[in-house]
Amino acid sequence: MKSQECPRCSNTARLSKRTFSDQALAALVVWKDLSEKHIDEPICEDCYEELRDVLIERIEDVKSVQPRQFNRAS
């Protein structure tokens, strides 16, 4: 796997597609931690860890965000 530019942070790294629930994605979009256009885009490990940490730190807030359906790439 070769390195590419991460669409979220623009760093050059190995990218992987990450799976988040619709509710987690909605929370990240509402909080502006993830752009809706980057849903289903592969991201780097650093971005994944950052987003995961945000969700863990704000777990109670995640529960109050209304889940949304996102148009996901096939």
Protein backbone atom coordinates (compact mmCIF):
# COMPACT_ATOMS: atom_id res chain seq x y z
CA MET A 1 0.00 0.00 0.00
CA LYS A 2 1.54 3.30 -1.02
CA SER A 3 1.25 6.62 0.76
CA GLN A 4 -1.28 9.17 -0.42
CA GLU A 5 -2.52 12.55 0.73
CA CYS A 6 -5.12 12.27 3.48
CA PRO A 7 -8.26 14.19 2.43
CA ARG A 8 -8.87 15.35 6.01
CA CYS A 9 -5.43 16.60 7.12
CA SER A 10 -3.49 16.72 3.82
CA ASN A 11 -0.57 14.75 5.30
CA THR A 12 1.04 12.08 3.17
CA ALA A 13 0.41 8.71 4.79
CA ARG A 14 -1.06 5.28 4.22
CA LEU A 15 -4.82 5.63 4.03
CA SER A 16 -7.50 3.18 5.10
CA LYS A 17 -11.26 3.29 4.88
CA ARG A 18 -12.73 3.58 8.38
CA THR A 19 -16.18 2.58 9.53
CA PHE A 20 -18.19 4.73 11.93
CA SER A 21 -21.87 4.40 12.82
CA ASP A 22 -24.32 6.88 11.30
CA GLN A 23 -24.78 8.45 14.75
CA ALA A 24 -21.01 8.84 15.24
CA LEU A 25 -20.66 10.35 11.76
CA ALA A 26 -23.53 12.75 12.43
CA ALA A 27 -21.85 13.88 15.65
CA LEU A 28 -18.49 14.40 13.94
CA VAL A 29 -20.15 16.40 11.15
CA VAL A 30 -22.22 18.52 13.59
CA TRP A 31 -19.11 19.25 15.67
CA LYS A 32 -17.18 20.07 12.47
CA ASP A 33 -14.53 17.44 13.19
CA LEU A 34 -15.30 15.76 9.86
CA SER A 35 -16.55 17.30 6.65
CA GLU A 36 -19.54 15.52 5.16
CA LYS A 37 -17.66 15.31 1.86
CA HIS A 38 -15.02 13.12 3.56
CA ILE A 39 -17.48 10.47 4.73
CA ASP A 40 -16.46 7.16 3.14
CA GLU A 41 -13.09 8.58 2.11
CA PRO A 42 -10.05 6.67 3.36
CA ILE A 43 -8.16 8.60 6.05
CA CYS A 44 -4.79 8.29 7.76
CA GLU A 45 -4.20 6.57 11.08
CA ASP A 46 -3.61 9.90 12.87
CA CYS A 47 -6.99 11.28 11.74
CA TYR A 48 -8.73 8.04 12.67
CA GLU A 49 -7.22 8.10 16.16
CA GLU A 50 -8.14 11.77 16.58
CA LEU A 51 -11.76 11.19 15.53
CA ARG A 52 -12.02 8.08 17.69
CA ASP A 53 -10.65 10.01 20.70
CA VAL A 54 -13.18 12.82 20.13
CA LEU A 55 -16.00 10.28 20.10
CA ILE A 56 -14.73 8.59 23.27
CA GLU A 57 -14.30 11.91 25.10
CA ARG A 58 -17.77 13.09 24.09
CA ILE A 59 -19.68 9.80 24.32
CA GLU A 60 -22.54 11.38 26.28
CA ASP A 61 -22.87 14.10 23.63
CA VAL A 62 -22.88 11.48 20.86
CA LYS A 63 -25.98 9.91 22.40
CA SER A 64 -27.89 13.19 22.05
CA VAL A 65 -27.07 13.71 18.35
CA GLN A 66 -29.80 12.63 15.97
CA PRO A 67 -28.50 9.85 13.69
CA ARG A 68 -28.59 10.66 9.98
CA GLN A 69 -28.42 8.64 6.84
CA PHE A 70 -25.47 9.59 4.68
CA ASN A 71 -25.05 8.89 1.00
CA ARG A 72 -22.31 6.32 1.12
CA ALA A 73 -20.16 5.24 -1.78
CA SER A 74 -20.64 1.65 -2.82
